[in-house]
Amino acid sequence: MSLTIGVPRETFAGEKRVATVPEVVEKLGKLGFKVCVEQGAGEAANFSDEAYRAAGATVAASAAELYAAADVVFKVRPPTAAEAAQLREGATFIGFVWPAQNPELMQQLAARKATVLAIDSLPRQLSRAQKMDALTSMAGVSGYRAVIEAAHAFGRPFNGQVTAAGKIPPAEVFIAGAGVAGLAAIGAAANLGAIVRANDTRAEVADQVTSLGGEFVKVDYEEEGSGGGGGQVIAPSLMTVRPRTASSSMSTTSRPSFALQRSSVRRSRLLE
């Protein structure tokens, strides 16, 4: 008897991702799985119910119907308490879970005797796990988006402008951390014409920063705030707890035309 994979609609506000797409549904069908997708699950990602049906999936009218039929559940966000309660006893859950940050959820899933595969906990250093690595792809998107949002908040072009009315210097962007998200942010900011500087606790990434058009700054640096270009600080790190991001003293000592942006794999938002 073939197993049924359930793909519910994401309920987190503003979440547009879906756990699988019609192309993958077709591949799963060839492997012998049945796939059931909740109605409207892919709408925000521009995948219609008809596209899923054409790929061989069935479409459930409600989340309750989907969870009742699913032996395996694919999901992007960790399940809410209500969603976890709907899991069939002994079912398998695959998705972002963040076990260390969600102990109560883990207890609830254990009570349902669920098998949980937290893709955020995959050891990405192992070559056999790299094709299942969802964190790296999300980190790259997060770093790129952080720059786009920072450019929107900045209020003027990142690149320098020479006009009949005068000269506008390029923006100065500082990237705190040069991991996957940081390197994506460096490349995006450099392509927009900004002066990009970055640091990281790992000195060996200096060449990578330079190759993308940035300037590597050692961690034990001191930099004055003079200059008329305005600035952006982007912190593209994966943080397990909410950090103290900016104090009132930072906002008062920073020069005008300054914005702080944090990017993470989980979310990207402006900081205040």
C-alpha atoms as a PDB file:
ATOM      1  CA  MET A   1       0.000   0.000   0.000  1.00  0.00           C
ATOM      2  CA  SER A   2       1.463   3.358  -1.035  1.00  0.00           C
ATOM      3  CA  LEU A   3       1.993   6.144   1.443  1.00  0.00           C
ATOM      4  CA  THR A   4       0.149   9.443   1.134  1.00  0.00           C
ATOM      5  CA  ILE A   5       2.135  12.673   1.380  1.00  0.00           C
ATOM      6  CA  GLY A   6       0.116  15.647   2.580  1.00  0.00           C
ATOM      7  CA  VAL A   7       0.990  19.262   1.733  1.00  0.00           C
ATOM      8  CA  PRO A   8      -1.050  21.707   3.851  1.00  0.00           C
ATOM      9  CA  ARG A   9      -1.494  25.390   3.170  1.00  0.00           C
ATOM     10  CA  GLU A  10       0.859  27.546   5.253  1.00  0.00           C
ATOM     11  CA  THR A  11      -1.083  29.502   7.880  1.00  0.00           C
ATOM     12  CA  PHE A  12       1.647  31.858   9.120  1.00  0.00           C
ATOM     13  CA  ALA A  13       0.803  35.464   8.216  1.00  0.00           C
ATOM     14  CA  GLY A  14       2.626  36.595   5.092  1.00  0.00           C
ATOM     15  CA  GLU A  15       4.085  33.165   4.300  1.00  0.00           C
ATOM     16  CA  LYS A  16       4.022  32.573   0.527  1.00  0.00           C
ATOM     17  CA  ARG A  17       6.071  29.403   0.283  1.00  0.00           C
ATOM     18  CA  VAL A  18       4.646  25.938  -0.258  1.00  0.00           C
ATOM     19  CA  ALA A  19       6.338  22.704   0.755  1.00  0.00           C
ATOM     20  CA  THR A  20       6.302  21.108  -2.685  1.00  0.00           C
ATOM     21  CA  VAL A  21       5.525  22.105  -6.275  1.00  0.00           C
ATOM     22  CA  PRO A  22       3.763  20.318  -9.163  1.00  0.00           C
ATOM     23  CA  GLU A  23       7.062  19.276 -10.754  1.00  0.00           C
ATOM     24  CA  VAL A  24       8.058  17.444  -7.573  1.00  0.00           C
ATOM     25  CA  VAL A  25       4.567  15.976  -7.172  1.00  0.00           C
ATOM     26  CA  GLU A  26       5.020  14.250 -10.514  1.00  0.00           C
ATOM     27  CA  LYS A  27       8.373  12.791  -9.394  1.00  0.00           C
ATOM     28  CA  LEU A  28       6.895  11.576  -6.117  1.00  0.00           C
ATOM     29  CA  GLY A  29       4.126   9.846  -8.027  1.00  0.00           C
ATOM     30  CA  LYS A  30       6.680   7.956 -10.108  1.00  0.00           C
ATOM     31  CA  LEU A  31       8.281   6.780  -6.856  1.00  0.00           C
ATOM     32  CA  GLY A  32       4.970   5.265  -5.777  1.00  0.00           C
ATOM     33  CA  PHE A  33       3.688   7.945  -3.408  1.00  0.00           C
ATOM     34  CA  LYS A  34       0.235   9.481  -3.433  1.00  0.00           C
ATOM     35  CA  VAL A  35       0.198  13.242  -2.907  1.00  0.00           C
ATOM     36  CA  CYS A  36      -2.643  15.228  -1.379  1.00  0.00           C
ATOM     37  CA  VAL A  37      -2.486  19.026  -1.425  1.00  0.00           C
ATOM     38  CA  GLU A  38      -4.752  21.309   0.572  1.00  0.00           C
ATOM     39  CA  GLN A  39      -6.903  23.589  -1.536  1.00  0.00           C
ATOM     40  CA  GLY A  40      -5.092  26.882  -2.187  1.00  0.00           C
ATOM     41  CA  ALA A  41      -1.772  25.666  -0.745  1.00  0.00           C
ATOM     42  CA  GLY A  42       0.228  26.932  -3.718  1.00  0.00           C
ATOM     43  CA  GLU A  43      -1.741  30.047  -4.639  1.00  0.00           C
ATOM     44  CA  ALA A  44       0.633  32.510  -2.968  1.00  0.00           C
ATOM     45  CA  ALA A  45       3.540  30.872  -4.827  1.00  0.00           C
ATOM     46  CA  ASN A  46       1.637  30.993  -8.148  1.00  0.00           C
ATOM     47  CA  PHE A  47       0.854  27.262  -8.286  1.00  0.00           C
ATOM     48  CA  SER A  48      -2.826  26.592  -8.902  1.00  0.00           C
ATOM     49  CA  ASP A  49      -4.823  23.624  -7.676  1.00  0.00           C
ATOM     50  CA  GLU A  50      -5.271  22.637 -11.327  1.00  0.00           C
ATOM     51  CA  ALA A  51      -1.477  22.456 -11.758  1.00  0.00           C
ATOM     52  CA  TYR A  52      -1.235  20.052  -8.821  1.00  0.00           C
ATOM     53  CA  ARG A  53      -4.077  17.927 -10.197  1.00  0.00           C
ATOM     54  CA  ALA A  54      -2.389  17.807 -13.596  1.00  0.00           C
ATOM     55  CA  ALA A  55       0.771  16.522 -11.875  1.00  0.00           C
ATOM     56  CA  GLY A  56      -1.202  13.703 -10.257  1.00  0.00           C
ATOM     57  CA  ALA A  57      -2.091  15.094  -6.841  1.00  0.00           C
ATOM     58  CA  THR A  58      -5.505  15.113  -5.210  1.00  0.00           C
ATOM     59  CA  VAL A  59      -6.749  18.343  -3.638  1.00  0.00           C
ATOM     60  CA  ALA A  60      -8.237  18.282  -0.139  1.00  0.00           C
ATOM     61  CA  ALA A  61     -11.006  20.752   0.650  1.00  0.00           C
ATOM     62  CA  SER A  62      -9.715  21.437   4.169  1.00  0.00           C
ATOM     63  CA  ALA A  63      -6.706  20.987   6.420  1.00  0.00           C
ATOM     64  CA  ALA A  64      -8.612  18.481   8.560  1.00  0.00           C
ATOM     65  CA  GLU A  65      -9.278  16.312   5.495  1.00  0.00           C
ATOM     66  CA  LEU A  66      -5.624  16.491   4.478  1.00  0.00           C
ATOM     67  CA  TYR A  67      -4.177  15.615   7.897  1.00  0.00           C
ATOM     68  CA  ALA A  68      -6.616  12.703   8.240  1.00  0.00           C
ATOM     69  CA  ALA A  69      -5.351  11.193   4.969  1.00  0.00           C
ATOM     70  CA  ALA A  70      -1.608  11.955   5.251  1.00  0.00           C
ATOM     71  CA  ASP A  71       0.960   9.395   6.367  1.00  0.00           C
ATOM     72  CA  VAL A  72       3.723  11.945   5.742  1.00  0.00           C
ATOM     73  CA  VAL A  73       3.312  15.728   5.999  1.00  0.00           C
ATOM     74  CA  PHE A  74       5.509  18.185   4.097  1.00  0.00           C
ATOM     75  CA  LYS A  75       5.436  21.696   5.543  1.00  0.00           C
ATOM     76  CA  VAL A  76       7.566  24.839   5.455  1.00  0.00           C
ATOM     77  CA  ARG A  77       6.863  26.416   8.850  1.00  0.00           C
ATOM     78  CA  PRO A  78       6.761  24.487  12.131  1.00  0.00           C
ATOM     79  CA  PRO A  79       3.210  23.295  12.833  1.00  0.00           C
ATOM     80  CA  THR A  80       1.087  25.244  15.250  1.00  0.00           C
ATOM     81  CA  ALA A  81      -0.345  23.467  18.272  1.00  0.00           C
ATOM     82  CA  ALA A  82      -3.633  23.049  16.411  1.00  0.00           C
ATOM     83  CA  GLU A  83      -1.889  21.637  13.340  1.00  0.00           C
ATOM     84  CA  ALA A  84       0.221  19.243  15.397  1.00  0.00           C
ATOM     85  CA  ALA A  85      -2.936  17.971  17.091  1.00  0.00           C
ATOM     86  CA  GLN A  86      -4.346  17.050  13.671  1.00  0.00           C
ATOM     87  CA  LEU A  87      -1.386  14.813  12.758  1.00  0.00           C
ATOM     88  CA  ARG A  88      -2.276  11.166  12.584  1.00  0.00           C
ATOM     89  CA  GLU A  89      -0.711   9.141  15.369  1.00  0.00           C
ATOM     90  CA  GLY A  90       2.559   7.706  14.110  1.00  0.00           C
ATOM     91  CA  ALA A  91       2.713  10.014  11.085  1.00  0.00           C
ATOM     92  CA  THR A  92       5.935  11.524   9.737  1.00  0.00           C
ATOM     93  CA  PHE A  93       6.504  15.285   9.639  1.00  0.00           C
ATOM     94  CA  ILE A  94       9.155  16.846   7.385  1.00  0.00           C
ATOM     95  CA  GLY A  95       9.882  20.567   7.419  1.00  0.00           C
ATOM     96  CA  PHE A  96      11.495  23.405   9.338  1.00  0.00           C
ATOM     97  CA  VAL A  97      10.987  22.639  13.029  1.00  0.00           C
ATOM     98  CA  TRP A  98      13.752  24.417  15.013  1.00  0.00           C
ATOM     99  CA  PRO A  99      13.631  21.848  17.848  1.00  0.00           C
ATOM    100  CA  ALA A 100      15.762  23.817  20.311  1.00  0.00           C
ATOM    101  CA  GLN A 101      13.475  26.823  20.034  1.00  0.00           C
ATOM    102  CA  ASN A 102      10.223  24.835  20.162  1.00  0.00           C
ATOM    103  CA  PRO A 103      10.429  22.390  23.103  1.00  0.00           C
ATOM    104  CA  GLU A 104       6.670  22.423  23.694  1.00  0.00           C
ATOM    105  CA  LEU A 105       6.036  21.573  20.036  1.00  0.00           C
ATOM    106  CA  MET A 106       8.501  18.683  20.261  1.00  0.00           C
ATOM    107  CA  GLN A 107       6.666  17.332  23.300  1.00  0.00           C
ATOM    108  CA  GLN A 108       3.361  17.580  21.473  1.00  0.00           C
ATOM    109  CA  LEU A 109       4.755  15.770  18.433  1.00  0.00           C
ATOM    110  CA  ALA A 110       6.247  13.086  20.673  1.00  0.00           C
ATOM    111  CA  ALA A 111       2.835  12.603  22.270  1.00  0.00           C
ATOM    112  CA  ARG A 112       1.448  11.952  18.781  1.00  0.00           C
ATOM    113  CA  LYS A 113       4.248   9.381  18.296  1.00  0.00           C
ATOM    114  CA  ALA A 114       5.309  11.309  15.214  1.00  0.00           C
ATOM    115  CA  THR A 115       8.574  10.809  13.372  1.00  0.00           C
ATOM    116  CA  VAL A 116      10.022  14.286  12.824  1.00  0.00           C
ATOM    117  CA  LEU A 117      12.659  15.142  10.221  1.00  0.00           C
ATOM    118  CA  ALA A 118      13.782  18.708  10.934  1.00  0.00           C
ATOM    119  CA  ILE A 119      15.456  19.875   7.743  1.00  0.00           C
ATOM    120  CA  ASP A 120      16.912  22.854   9.631  1.00  0.00           C
ATOM    121  CA  SER A 121      19.004  20.370  11.627  1.00  0.00           C
ATOM    122  CA  LEU A 122      20.560  18.575   8.662  1.00  0.00           C
ATOM    123  CA  PRO A 123      24.388  18.429   8.832  1.00  0.00           C
ATOM    124  CA  ARG A 124      25.128  20.474   5.720  1.00  0.00           C
ATOM    125  CA  GLN A 125      28.807  19.558   5.802  1.00  0.00           C
ATOM    126  CA  LEU A 126      28.001  15.991   4.714  1.00  0.00           C
ATOM    127  CA  SER A 127      27.960  15.658   0.934  1.00  0.00           C
ATOM    128  CA  ARG A 128      25.031  13.240   0.964  1.00  0.00           C
ATOM    129  CA  ALA A 129      22.922  15.777   2.879  1.00  0.00           C
ATOM    130  CA  GLN A 130      23.661  18.752   0.639  1.00  0.00           C
ATOM    131  CA  LYS A 131      20.901  17.991  -1.874  1.00  0.00           C
ATOM    132  CA  MET A 132      18.437  18.182   1.027  1.00  0.00           C
ATOM    133  CA  ASP A 133      19.888  21.461   2.293  1.00  0.00           C
ATOM    134  CA  ALA A 134      17.072  23.993   2.444  1.00  0.00           C
ATOM    135  CA  LEU A 135      18.861  26.423   4.769  1.00  0.00           C
ATOM    136  CA  THR A 136      21.496  27.466   2.233  1.00  0.00           C
ATOM    137  CA  SER A 137      18.987  28.279  -0.502  1.00  0.00           C
ATOM    138  CA  MET A 138      16.827  30.252   1.923  1.00  0.00           C
ATOM    139  CA  ALA A 139      19.898  32.055   3.259  1.00  0.00           C
ATOM    140  CA  GLY A 140      20.863  33.200  -0.237  1.00  0.00           C
ATOM    141  CA  VAL A 141      17.379  34.574  -0.864  1.00  0.00           C
ATOM    142  CA  SER A 142      17.365  36.201   2.580  1.00  0.00           C
ATOM    143  CA  GLY A 143      20.665  38.028   1.992  1.00  0.00           C
ATOM    144  CA  TYR A 144      19.530  39.308  -1.391  1.00  0.00           C
ATOM    145  CA  ARG A 145      16.174  40.447  -0.020  1.00  0.00           C
ATOM    146  CA  ALA A 146      17.824  42.235   2.903  1.00  0.00           C
ATOM    147  CA  VAL A 147      19.673  44.474   0.454  1.00  0.00           C
ATOM    148  CA  ILE A 148      16.543  45.159  -1.589  1.00  0.00           C
ATOM    149  CA  GLU A 149      14.582  46.103   1.537  1.00  0.00           C
ATOM    150  CA  ALA A 150      17.484  48.214   2.810  1.00  0.00           C
ATOM    151  CA  ALA A 151      17.649  50.040  -0.523  1.00  0.00           C
ATOM    152  CA  HIS A 152      13.918  50.740  -0.286  1.00  0.00           C
ATOM    153  CA  ALA A 153      14.259  52.076   3.265  1.00  0.00           C
ATOM    154  CA  PHE A 154      17.331  54.142   2.372  1.00  0.00           C
ATOM    155  CA  GLY A 155      15.345  56.532   0.232  1.00  0.00           C
ATOM    156  CA  ARG A 156      17.840  57.282  -2.524  1.00  0.00           C
ATOM    157  CA  PRO A 157      19.950  55.359  -5.063  1.00  0.00           C
ATOM    158  CA  PHE A 158      22.743  53.131  -3.816  1.00  0.00           C
ATOM    159  CA  ASN A 159      25.019  54.083  -6.691  1.00  0.00           C
ATOM    160  CA  GLY A 160      26.601  57.504  -7.075  1.00  0.00           C
ATOM    161  CA  GLN A 161      24.835  60.032  -9.268  1.00  0.00           C
ATOM    162  CA  VAL A 162      26.226  62.992 -11.192  1.00  0.00           C
ATOM    163  CA  THR A 163      23.558  65.407 -12.342  1.00  0.00           C
ATOM    164  CA  ALA A 164      23.330  69.020 -13.450  1.00  0.00           C
ATOM    165  CA  ALA A 165      22.062  69.852  -9.961  1.00  0.00           C
ATOM    166  CA  GLY A 166      25.042  68.295  -8.210  1.00  0.00           C
ATOM    167  CA  LYS A 167      26.780  65.096  -7.207  1.00  0.00           C
ATOM    168  CA  ILE A 168      25.370  62.340  -4.987  1.00  0.00           C
ATOM    169  CA  PRO A 169      27.941  59.971  -3.440  1.00  0.00           C
ATOM    170  CA  PRO A 170      27.285  56.212  -3.404  1.00  0.00           C
ATOM    171  CA  ALA A 171      25.778  54.618  -0.322  1.00  0.00           C
ATOM    172  CA  GLU A 172      28.068  52.812   2.085  1.00  0.00           C
ATOM    173  CA  VAL A 173      26.858  49.345   3.064  1.00  0.00           C
ATOM    174  CA  PHE A 174      28.285  47.275   5.882  1.00  0.00           C
ATOM    175  CA  ILE A 175      27.565  43.542   5.968  1.00  0.00           C
ATOM    176  CA  ALA A 176      28.027  41.940   9.404  1.00  0.00           C
ATOM    177  CA  GLY A 177      28.842  38.328   8.617  1.00  0.00           C
ATOM    178  CA  ALA A 178      30.016  36.753   5.366  1.00  0.00           C
ATOM    179  CA  GLY A 179      28.282  33.401   5.337  1.00  0.00           C
ATOM    180  CA  VAL A 180      25.870  32.306   2.626  1.00  0.00           C
ATOM    181  CA  ALA A 181      23.411  35.133   3.288  1.00  0.00           C
ATOM    182  CA  GLY A 182      26.190  37.670   3.790  1.00  0.00           C
ATOM    183  CA  LEU A 183      27.892  36.834   0.510  1.00  0.00           C
ATOM    184  CA  ALA A 184      24.560  37.097  -1.307  1.00  0.00           C
ATOM    185  CA  ALA A 185      24.022  40.498   0.301  1.00  0.00           C
ATOM    186  CA  ILE A 186      27.520  41.659  -0.642  1.00  0.00           C
ATOM    187  CA  GLY A 187      27.016  40.714  -4.278  1.00  0.00           C
ATOM    188  CA  ALA A 188      23.591  42.363  -4.441  1.00  0.00           C
ATOM    189  CA  ALA A 189      24.754  45.603  -2.807  1.00  0.00           C
ATOM    190  CA  ALA A 190      27.859  45.806  -5.004  1.00  0.00           C
ATOM    191  CA  ASN A 191      25.739  45.262  -8.112  1.00  0.00           C
ATOM    192  CA  LEU A 192      23.541  48.167  -7.051  1.00  0.00           C
ATOM    193  CA  GLY A 193      26.608  50.393  -7.000  1.00  0.00           C
ATOM    194  CA  ALA A 194      27.161  50.791  -3.275  1.00  0.00           C
ATOM    195  CA  ILE A 195      30.506  50.867  -1.491  1.00  0.00           C
ATOM    196  CA  VAL A 196      30.414  47.557   0.368  1.00  0.00           C
ATOM    197  CA  ARG A 197      32.396  46.545   3.441  1.00  0.00           C
ATOM    198  CA  ALA A 198      31.997  43.327   5.404  1.00  0.00           C
ATOM    199  CA  ASN A 199      33.501  41.464   8.295  1.00  0.00           C
ATOM    200  CA  ASP A 200      33.377  37.957   9.674  1.00  0.00           C
ATOM    201  CA  THR A 201      35.006  36.064  12.509  1.00  0.00           C
ATOM    202  CA  ARG A 202      36.573  33.809   9.859  1.00  0.00           C
ATOM    203  CA  ALA A 203      39.486  35.566   8.233  1.00  0.00           C
ATOM    204  CA  GLU A 204      39.575  33.015   5.406  1.00  0.00           C
ATOM    205  CA  VAL A 205      36.415  34.467   3.820  1.00  0.00           C
ATOM    206  CA  ALA A 206      38.234  37.714   2.994  1.00  0.00           C
ATOM    207  CA  ASP A 207      38.978  36.540  -0.557  1.00  0.00           C
ATOM    208  CA  GLN A 208      35.322  35.675  -1.115  1.00  0.00           C
ATOM    209  CA  VAL A 209      34.245  39.131   0.043  1.00  0.00           C
ATOM    210  CA  THR A 210      36.770  40.778  -2.262  1.00  0.00           C
ATOM    211  CA  SER A 211      35.779  38.631  -5.246  1.00  0.00           C
ATOM    212  CA  LEU A 212      32.199  39.873  -4.948  1.00  0.00           C
ATOM    213  CA  GLY A 213      33.221  43.514  -4.965  1.00  0.00           C
ATOM    214  CA  GLY A 214      33.397  44.150  -1.228  1.00  0.00           C
ATOM    215  CA  GLU A 215      36.156  45.207   1.137  1.00  0.00           C
ATOM    216  CA  PHE A 216      36.926  42.897   4.050  1.00  0.00           C
ATOM    217  CA  VAL A 217      37.222  44.634   7.409  1.00  0.00           C
ATOM    218  CA  LYS A 218      38.938  42.865  10.281  1.00  0.00           C
ATOM    219  CA  VAL A 219      36.815  42.293  13.364  1.00  0.00           C
ATOM    220  CA  ASP A 220      39.015  44.411  15.638  1.00  0.00           C
ATOM    221  CA  TYR A 221      38.521  47.558  13.582  1.00  0.00           C
ATOM    222  CA  GLU A 222      37.720  51.133  14.472  1.00  0.00           C
ATOM    223  CA  GLU A 223      35.966  53.304  11.952  1.00  0.00           C
ATOM    224  CA  GLU A 224      34.905  56.892  12.243  1.00  0.00           C
ATOM    225  CA  GLY A 225      31.470  57.999  11.147  1.00  0.00           C
ATOM    226  CA  SER A 226      32.571  60.836   8.914  1.00  0.00           C
ATOM    227  CA  GLY A 227      31.534  60.989   5.287  1.00  0.00           C
ATOM    228  CA  GLY A 228      28.492  62.183   3.462  1.00  0.00           C
ATOM    229  CA  GLY A 229      27.382  59.041   1.676  1.00  0.00           C
ATOM    230  CA  GLY A 230      24.874  57.701   4.179  1.00  0.00           C
ATOM    231  CA  GLY A 231      25.009  54.086   5.222  1.00  0.00           C
ATOM    232  CA  GLN A 232      23.354  50.734   5.620  1.00  0.00           C
ATOM    233  CA  VAL A 233      24.206  47.956   8.071  1.00  0.00           C
ATOM    234  CA  ILE A 234      22.969  44.476   7.157  1.00  0.00           C
ATOM    235  CA  ALA A 235      23.313  41.588   9.606  1.00  0.00           C
ATOM    236  CA  PRO A 236      22.646  38.387   7.658  1.00  0.00           C
ATOM    237  CA  SER A 237      23.078  35.815  10.413  1.00  0.00           C
ATOM    238  CA  LEU A 238      20.968  32.871  11.512  1.00  0.00           C
ATOM    239  CA  MET A 239      20.071  33.733  15.079  1.00  0.00           C
ATOM    240  CA  THR A 240      18.467  31.244  17.452  1.00  0.00           C
ATOM    241  CA  VAL A 241      17.120  33.908  19.795  1.00  0.00           C
ATOM    242  CA  ARG A 242      16.040  37.470  19.240  1.00  0.00           C
ATOM    243  CA  PRO A 243      19.146  39.583  19.747  1.00  0.00           C
ATOM    244  CA  ARG A 244      19.538  43.051  21.101  1.00  0.00           C
ATOM    245  CA  THR A 245      19.891  44.648  17.714  1.00  0.00           C
ATOM    246  CA  ALA A 246      20.096  48.373  18.129  1.00  0.00           C
ATOM    247  CA  SER A 247      20.167  50.626  21.152  1.00  0.00           C
ATOM    248  CA  SER A 248      18.965  54.206  21.452  1.00  0.00           C
ATOM    249  CA  SER A 249      22.597  55.330  21.625  1.00  0.00           C
ATOM    250  CA  MET A 250      23.236  53.771  18.240  1.00  0.00           C
ATOM    251  CA  SER A 251      20.395  55.687  16.669  1.00  0.00           C
ATOM    252  CA  THR A 252      21.570  58.967  18.160  1.00  0.00           C
ATOM    253  CA  THR A 253      25.246  58.532  17.258  1.00  0.00           C
ATOM    254  CA  SER A 254      24.587  57.309  13.730  1.00  0.00           C
ATOM    255  CA  ARG A 255      24.673  59.964  11.059  1.00  0.00           C
ATOM    256  CA  PRO A 256      21.510  60.931   9.149  1.00  0.00           C
ATOM    257  CA  SER A 257      20.516  58.683   6.232  1.00  0.00           C
ATOM    258  CA  PHE A 258      21.356  55.551   8.206  1.00  0.00           C
ATOM    259  CA  ALA A 259      19.375  52.324   8.318  1.00  0.00           C
ATOM    260  CA  LEU A 260      19.880  48.969  10.001  1.00  0.00           C
ATOM    261  CA  GLN A 261      18.647  45.785   8.386  1.00  0.00           C
ATOM    262  CA  ARG A 262      18.681  42.263   9.729  1.00  0.00           C
ATOM    263  CA  SER A 263      18.340  39.243   7.524  1.00  0.00           C
ATOM    264  CA  SER A 264      17.903  35.678   8.683  1.00  0.00           C
ATOM    265  CA  VAL A 265      16.901  32.399   7.163  1.00  0.00           C
ATOM    266  CA  ARG A 266      13.658  32.532   9.060  1.00  0.00           C
ATOM    267  CA  ARG A 267      12.675  36.101   8.260  1.00  0.00           C
ATOM    268  CA  SER A 268      13.955  39.411   6.964  1.00  0.00           C
ATOM    269  CA  ARG A 269      12.743  42.640   8.485  1.00  0.00           C
ATOM    270  CA  LEU A 270      13.726  46.200   9.252  1.00  0.00           C
ATOM    271  CA  LEU A 271      15.046  46.860  12.728  1.00  0.00           C
ATOM    272  CA  GLU A 272      14.126  49.772  14.912  1.00  0.00           C
END
